[in-house]
Amino acid sequence: MNIVNEIQENGIVFVVKNEKGESLNGVELTVYDKEENKVADLTTNQKGLARNTKSTSRYILHCEQR
């Protein structure tokens, strides 16, 4: 699994793809701040995208595909 993040004006966008470069739908992402407090629970859409609109400059990401 490959996760790329892009910081945008309105938050962070995560793009999740498999080893073949295909978008992964339904991947569950949990975003934590640097103190390891949960900031957001996200799930990727059909394009493999998930957006975190809560502001955090540093984060820890946990993910799970079901």
PDB file of N, CA and C in Angstrom:
ATOM      1  N   MET A   1       0.848  -1.158   0.000  1.00  0.00           N
ATOM      2  CA  MET A   1       0.000   0.000   0.000  1.00  0.00           C
ATOM      3  C   MET A   1       0.902   1.231   0.000  1.00  0.00           C
ATOM      4  N   ASN A   2       0.535   2.216  -0.806  1.00  0.00           N
ATOM      5  CA  ASN A   2       1.281   3.455  -0.920  1.00  0.00           C
ATOM      6  C   ASN A   2       0.359   4.602  -0.530  1.00  0.00           C
ATOM      7  N   ILE A   3       0.786   5.429   0.425  1.00  0.00           N
ATOM      8  CA  ILE A   3      -0.014   6.572   0.863  1.00  0.00           C
ATOM      9  C   ILE A   3       0.788   7.836   0.606  1.00  0.00           C
ATOM     10  N   VAL A   4       0.203   8.727  -0.163  1.00  0.00           N
ATOM     11  CA  VAL A   4       0.824  10.024  -0.448  1.00  0.00           C
ATOM     12  C   VAL A   4      -0.066  11.087   0.165  1.00  0.00           C
ATOM     13  N   ASN A   5       0.545  12.078   0.809  1.00  0.00           N
ATOM     14  CA  ASN A   5      -0.252  13.162   1.358  1.00  0.00           C
ATOM     15  C   ASN A   5       0.108  14.472   0.671  1.00  0.00           C
ATOM     16  N   GLU A   6      -0.883  15.324   0.561  1.00  0.00           N
ATOM     17  CA  GLU A   6      -0.704  16.640  -0.032  1.00  0.00           C
ATOM     18  C   GLU A   6      -1.350  17.655   0.897  1.00  0.00           C
ATOM     19  N   ILE A   7      -0.566  18.608   1.368  1.00  0.00           N
ATOM     20  CA  ILE A   7      -1.104  19.645   2.244  1.00  0.00           C
ATOM     21  C   ILE A   7      -1.721  20.718   1.361  1.00  0.00           C
ATOM     22  N   GLN A   8      -3.000  20.984   1.611  1.00  0.00           N
ATOM     23  CA  GLN A   8      -3.730  22.006   0.869  1.00  0.00           C
ATOM     24  C   GLN A   8      -4.210  23.075   1.828  1.00  0.00           C
ATOM     25  N   GLU A   9      -4.727  24.146   1.286  1.00  0.00           N
ATOM     26  CA  GLU A   9      -5.204  25.268   2.095  1.00  0.00           C
ATOM     27  C   GLU A   9      -6.266  24.841   3.105  1.00  0.00           C
ATOM     28  N   ASN A  10      -7.117  23.901   2.728  1.00  0.00           N
ATOM     29  CA  ASN A  10      -8.221  23.477   3.592  1.00  0.00           C
ATOM     30  C   ASN A  10      -7.980  22.122   4.251  1.00  0.00           C
ATOM     31  N   GLY A  11      -6.724  21.705   4.391  1.00  0.00           N
ATOM     32  CA  GLY A  11      -6.428  20.462   5.090  1.00  0.00           C
ATOM     33  C   GLY A  11      -5.432  19.589   4.358  1.00  0.00           C
ATOM     34  N   ILE A  12      -5.392  18.330   4.746  1.00  0.00           N
ATOM     35  CA  ILE A  12      -4.467  17.357   4.164  1.00  0.00           C
ATOM     36  C   ILE A  12      -5.270  16.334   3.375  1.00  0.00           C
ATOM     37  N   VAL A  13      -4.840  16.064   2.151  1.00  0.00           N
ATOM     38  CA  VAL A  13      -5.472  15.038   1.323  1.00  0.00           C
ATOM     39  C   VAL A  13      -4.539  13.835   1.272  1.00  0.00           C
ATOM     40  N   PHE A  14      -5.080  12.665   1.560  1.00  0.00           N
ATOM     41  CA  PHE A  14      -4.332  11.415   1.482  1.00  0.00           C
ATOM     42  C   PHE A  14      -4.792  10.663   0.244  1.00  0.00           C
ATOM     43  N   VAL A  15      -3.851  10.145  -0.523  1.00  0.00           N
ATOM     44  CA  VAL A  15      -4.144   9.341  -1.704  1.00  0.00           C
ATOM     45  C   VAL A  15      -3.559   7.958  -1.448  1.00  0.00           C
ATOM     46  N   VAL A  16      -4.408   6.921  -1.494  1.00  0.00           N
ATOM     47  CA  VAL A  16      -3.986   5.566  -1.164  1.00  0.00           C
ATOM     48  C   VAL A  16      -4.121   4.677  -2.405  1.00  0.00           C
ATOM     49  N   LYS A  17      -3.013   4.034  -2.764  1.00  0.00           N
ATOM     50  CA  LYS A  17      -2.994   3.148  -3.931  1.00  0.00           C
ATOM     51  C   LYS A  17      -2.294   1.840  -3.581  1.00  0.00           C
ATOM     52  N   ASN A  18      -2.577   0.805  -4.367  1.00  0.00           N
ATOM     53  CA  ASN A  18      -1.886  -0.467  -4.175  1.00  0.00           C
ATOM     54  C   ASN A  18      -0.561  -0.453  -4.937  1.00  0.00           C
ATOM     55  N   GLU A  19       0.142  -1.574  -4.928  1.00  0.00           N
ATOM     56  CA  GLU A  19       1.451  -1.672  -5.565  1.00  0.00           C
ATOM     57  C   GLU A  19       1.386  -1.476  -7.082  1.00  0.00           C
ATOM     58  N   LYS A  20       0.216  -1.718  -7.669  1.00  0.00           N
ATOM     59  CA  LYS A  20       0.028  -1.548  -9.119  1.00  0.00           C
ATOM     60  C   LYS A  20      -0.366  -0.117  -9.483  1.00  0.00           C
ATOM     61  N   GLY A  21      -0.528   0.748  -8.470  1.00  0.00           N
ATOM     62  CA  GLY A  21      -0.929   2.131  -8.723  1.00  0.00           C
ATOM     63  C   GLY A  21      -2.423   2.328  -8.813  1.00  0.00           C
ATOM     64  N   GLU A  22      -3.198   1.303  -8.434  1.00  0.00           N
ATOM     65  CA  GLU A  22      -4.656   1.391  -8.482  1.00  0.00           C
ATOM     66  C   GLU A  22      -5.177   1.995  -7.177  1.00  0.00           C
ATOM     67  N   SER A  23      -6.163   2.869  -7.290  1.00  0.00           N
ATOM     68  CA  SER A  23      -6.757   3.515  -6.118  1.00  0.00           C
ATOM     69  C   SER A  23      -7.455   2.489  -5.238  1.00  0.00           C
ATOM     70  N   LEU A  24      -7.333   2.671  -3.923  1.00  0.00           N
ATOM     71  CA  LEU A  24      -7.955   1.751  -2.970  1.00  0.00           C
ATOM     72  C   LEU A  24      -9.123   2.429  -2.271  1.00  0.00           C
ATOM     73  N   ASN A  25     -10.299   1.827  -2.400  1.00  0.00           N
ATOM     74  CA  ASN A  25     -11.523   2.316  -1.782  1.00  0.00           C
ATOM     75  C   ASN A  25     -11.712   1.640  -0.429  1.00  0.00           C
ATOM     76  N   GLY A  26     -12.171   2.393   0.570  1.00  0.00           N
ATOM     77  CA  GLY A  26     -12.529   1.811   1.858  1.00  0.00           C
ATOM     78  C   GLY A  26     -11.381   1.620   2.835  1.00  0.00           C
ATOM     79  N   VAL A  27     -10.231   2.221   2.571  1.00  0.00           N
ATOM     80  CA  VAL A  27      -9.121   2.127   3.518  1.00  0.00           C
ATOM     81  C   VAL A  27      -9.411   3.073   4.684  1.00  0.00           C
ATOM     82  N   GLU A  28      -9.331   2.548   5.899  1.00  0.00           N
ATOM     83  CA  GLU A  28      -9.603   3.349   7.090  1.00  0.00           C
ATOM     84  C   GLU A  28      -8.298   3.960   7.599  1.00  0.00           C
ATOM     85  N   LEU A  29      -8.304   5.280   7.747  1.00  0.00           N
ATOM     86  CA  LEU A  29      -7.150   6.010   8.228  1.00  0.00           C
ATOM     87  C   LEU A  29      -7.513   6.697   9.534  1.00  0.00           C
ATOM     88  N   THR A  30      -6.625   6.649  10.497  1.00  0.00           N
ATOM     89  CA  THR A  30      -6.797   7.387  11.736  1.00  0.00           C
ATOM     90  C   THR A  30      -5.631   8.348  11.862  1.00  0.00           C
ATOM     91  N   VAL A  31      -5.944   9.621  12.046  1.00  0.00           N
ATOM     92  CA  VAL A  31      -4.931  10.662  12.141  1.00  0.00           C
ATOM     93  C   VAL A  31      -4.785  11.068  13.602  1.00  0.00           C
ATOM     94  N   TYR A  32      -3.532  11.111  14.066  1.00  0.00           N
ATOM     95  CA  TYR A  32      -3.214  11.522  15.431  1.00  0.00           C
ATOM     96  C   TYR A  32      -2.287  12.727  15.376  1.00  0.00           C
ATOM     97  N   ASP A  33      -2.392  13.616  16.378  1.00  0.00           N
ATOM     98  CA  ASP A  33      -1.449  14.726  16.451  1.00  0.00           C
ATOM     99  C   ASP A  33      -0.148  14.244  17.074  1.00  0.00           C
ATOM    100  N   LYS A  34       0.832  15.138  17.190  1.00  0.00           N
ATOM    101  CA  LYS A  34       2.150  14.715  17.669  1.00  0.00           C
ATOM    102  C   LYS A  34       2.136  14.229  19.110  1.00  0.00           C
ATOM    103  N   GLU A  35       1.091  14.573  19.897  1.00  0.00           N
ATOM    104  CA  GLU A  35       0.944  14.050  21.267  1.00  0.00           C
ATOM    105  C   GLU A  35       0.165  12.745  21.292  1.00  0.00           C
ATOM    106  N   GLU A  36      -0.140  12.205  20.089  1.00  0.00           N
ATOM    107  CA  GLU A  36      -0.870  10.956  19.889  1.00  0.00           C
ATOM    108  C   GLU A  36      -2.331  11.012  20.340  1.00  0.00           C
ATOM    109  N   ASN A  37      -2.933  12.209  20.250  1.00  0.00           N
ATOM    110  CA  ASN A  37      -4.369  12.376  20.453  1.00  0.00           C
ATOM    111  C   ASN A  37      -5.055  12.192  19.105  1.00  0.00           C
ATOM    112  N   LYS A  38      -6.139  11.414  19.080  1.00  0.00           N
ATOM    113  CA  LYS A  38      -6.843  11.183  17.813  1.00  0.00           C
ATOM    114  C   LYS A  38      -7.420  12.498  17.297  1.00  0.00           C
ATOM    115  N   VAL A  39      -7.153  12.803  16.043  1.00  0.00           N
ATOM    116  CA  VAL A  39      -7.648  14.013  15.396  1.00  0.00           C
ATOM    117  C   VAL A  39      -8.824  13.692  14.485  1.00  0.00           C
ATOM    118  N   ALA A  40      -8.728  12.573  13.740  1.00  0.00           N
ATOM    119  CA  ALA A  40      -9.786  12.254  12.779  1.00  0.00           C
ATOM    120  C   ALA A  40      -9.757  10.786  12.391  1.00  0.00           C
ATOM    121  N   ASP A  41     -10.933  10.244  12.079  1.00  0.00           N
ATOM    122  CA  ASP A  41     -11.094   8.942  11.438  1.00  0.00           C
ATOM    123  C   ASP A  41     -11.544   9.218  10.017  1.00  0.00           C
ATOM    124  N   LEU A  42     -10.839   8.658   9.040  1.00  0.00           N
ATOM    125  CA  LEU A  42     -11.140   8.896   7.630  1.00  0.00           C
ATOM    126  C   LEU A  42     -11.276   7.571   6.903  1.00  0.00           C
ATOM    127  N   THR A  43     -12.010   7.575   5.810  1.00  0.00           N
ATOM    128  CA  THR A  43     -12.126   6.406   4.936  1.00  0.00           C
ATOM    129  C   THR A  43     -11.971   6.881   3.500  1.00  0.00           C
ATOM    130  N   THR A  44     -11.138   6.168   2.731  1.00  0.00           N
ATOM    131  CA  THR A  44     -10.926   6.575   1.341  1.00  0.00           C
ATOM    132  C   THR A  44     -12.171   6.311   0.495  1.00  0.00           C
ATOM    133  N   ASN A  45     -12.340   7.144  -0.527  1.00  0.00           N
ATOM    134  CA  ASN A  45     -13.461   6.984  -1.456  1.00  0.00           C
ATOM    135  C   ASN A  45     -13.024   6.115  -2.640  1.00  0.00           C
ATOM    136  N   GLN A  46     -13.847   6.036  -3.672  1.00  0.00           N
ATOM    137  CA  GLN A  46     -13.545   5.182  -4.828  1.00  0.00           C
ATOM    138  C   GLN A  46     -12.285   5.611  -5.566  1.00  0.00           C
ATOM    139  N   LYS A  47     -11.895   6.876  -5.425  1.00  0.00           N
ATOM    140  CA  LYS A  47     -10.679   7.370  -6.059  1.00  0.00           C
ATOM    141  C   LYS A  47      -9.458   7.211  -5.150  1.00  0.00           C
ATOM    142  N   GLY A  48      -9.656   6.586  -3.978  1.00  0.00           N
ATOM    143  CA  GLY A  48      -8.557   6.388  -3.050  1.00  0.00           C
ATOM    144  C   GLY A  48      -8.206   7.635  -2.262  1.00  0.00           C
ATOM    145  N   LEU A  49      -9.110   8.609  -2.215  1.00  0.00           N
ATOM    146  CA  LEU A  49      -8.852   9.877  -1.545  1.00  0.00           C
ATOM    147  C   LEU A  49      -9.555   9.972  -0.201  1.00  0.00           C
ATOM    148  N   ALA A  50      -8.886  10.599   0.751  1.00  0.00           N
ATOM    149  CA  ALA A  50      -9.482  10.933   2.040  1.00  0.00           C
ATOM    150  C   ALA A  50      -8.932  12.289   2.438  1.00  0.00           C
ATOM    151  N   ARG A  51      -9.769  13.139   3.031  1.00  0.00           N
ATOM    152  CA  ARG A  51      -9.354  14.489   3.378  1.00  0.00           C
ATOM    153  C   ARG A  51      -9.516  14.740   4.880  1.00  0.00           C
ATOM    154  N   ASN A  52      -8.470  15.274   5.485  1.00  0.00           N
ATOM    155  CA  ASN A  52      -8.520  15.703   6.874  1.00  0.00           C
ATOM    156  C   ASN A  52      -8.559  17.228   6.868  1.00  0.00           C
ATOM    157  N   THR A  53      -9.657  17.799   7.346  1.00  0.00           N
ATOM    158  CA  THR A  53      -9.791  19.251   7.354  1.00  0.00           C
ATOM    159  C   THR A  53      -9.398  19.872   8.685  1.00  0.00           C
ATOM    160  N   LYS A  54      -9.079  19.041   9.661  1.00  0.00           N
ATOM    161  CA  LYS A  54      -8.630  19.563  10.952  1.00  0.00           C
ATOM    162  C   LYS A  54      -7.148  19.905  10.852  1.00  0.00           C
ATOM    163  N   SER A  55      -6.782  21.036  11.383  1.00  0.00           N
ATOM    164  CA  SER A  55      -5.416  21.526  11.248  1.00  0.00           C
ATOM    165  C   SER A  55      -4.461  20.761  12.159  1.00  0.00           C
ATOM    166  N   THR A  56      -3.392  20.259  11.581  1.00  0.00           N
ATOM    167  CA  THR A  56      -2.307  19.659  12.350  1.00  0.00           C
ATOM    168  C   THR A  56      -1.038  19.734  11.505  1.00  0.00           C
ATOM    169  N   SER A  57       0.012  20.282  12.086  1.00  0.00           N
ATOM    170  CA  SER A  57       1.241  20.452  11.315  1.00  0.00           C
ATOM    171  C   SER A  57       2.058  19.164  11.271  1.00  0.00           C
ATOM    172  N   ARG A  58       2.030  18.408  12.352  1.00  0.00           N
ATOM    173  CA  ARG A  58       2.690  17.104  12.392  1.00  0.00           C
ATOM    174  C   ARG A  58       1.651  16.087  12.804  1.00  0.00           C
ATOM    175  N   TYR A  59       1.727  14.913  12.231  1.00  0.00           N
ATOM    176  CA  TYR A  59       0.739  13.903  12.532  1.00  0.00           C
ATOM    177  C   TYR A  59       1.323  12.515  12.422  1.00  0.00           C
ATOM    178  N   ILE A  60       0.613  11.571  13.022  1.00  0.00           N
ATOM    179  CA  ILE A  60       0.921  10.151  12.930  1.00  0.00           C
ATOM    180  C   ILE A  60      -0.299   9.520  12.252  1.00  0.00           C
ATOM    181  N   LEU A  61      -0.050   8.640  11.292  1.00  0.00           N
ATOM    182  CA  LEU A  61      -1.135   8.033  10.525  1.00  0.00           C
ATOM    183  C   LEU A  61      -1.157   6.528  10.750  1.00  0.00           C
ATOM    184  N   HIS A  62      -2.324   5.992  11.085  1.00  0.00           N
ATOM    185  CA  HIS A  62      -2.551   4.552  11.181  1.00  0.00           C
ATOM    186  C   HIS A  62      -3.561   4.198  10.100  1.00  0.00           C
ATOM    187  N   CYS A  63      -3.342   3.087   9.405  1.00  0.00           N
ATOM    188  CA  CYS A  63      -4.295   2.719   8.359  1.00  0.00           C
ATOM    189  C   CYS A  63      -4.574   1.223   8.395  1.00  0.00           C
ATOM    190  N   GLU A  64      -5.768   0.878   7.882  1.00  0.00           N
ATOM    191  CA  GLU A  64      -6.170  -0.522   7.819  1.00  0.00           C
ATOM    192  C   GLU A  64      -7.080  -0.707   6.623  1.00  0.00           C
ATOM    193  N   GLN A  65      -6.826  -1.740   5.841  1.00  0.00           N
ATOM    194  CA  GLN A  65      -7.702  -2.056   4.717  1.00  0.00           C
ATOM    195  C   GLN A  65      -8.465  -3.316   5.050  1.00  0.00           C
ATOM    196  N   ARG A  66      -9.758  -3.258   4.853  1.00  0.00           N
ATOM    197  CA  ARG A  66     -10.604  -4.421   5.144  1.00  0.00           C
ATOM    198  C   ARG A  66     -11.135  -5.033   3.894  1.00  0.00           C
TER     199      ARG A  66
END
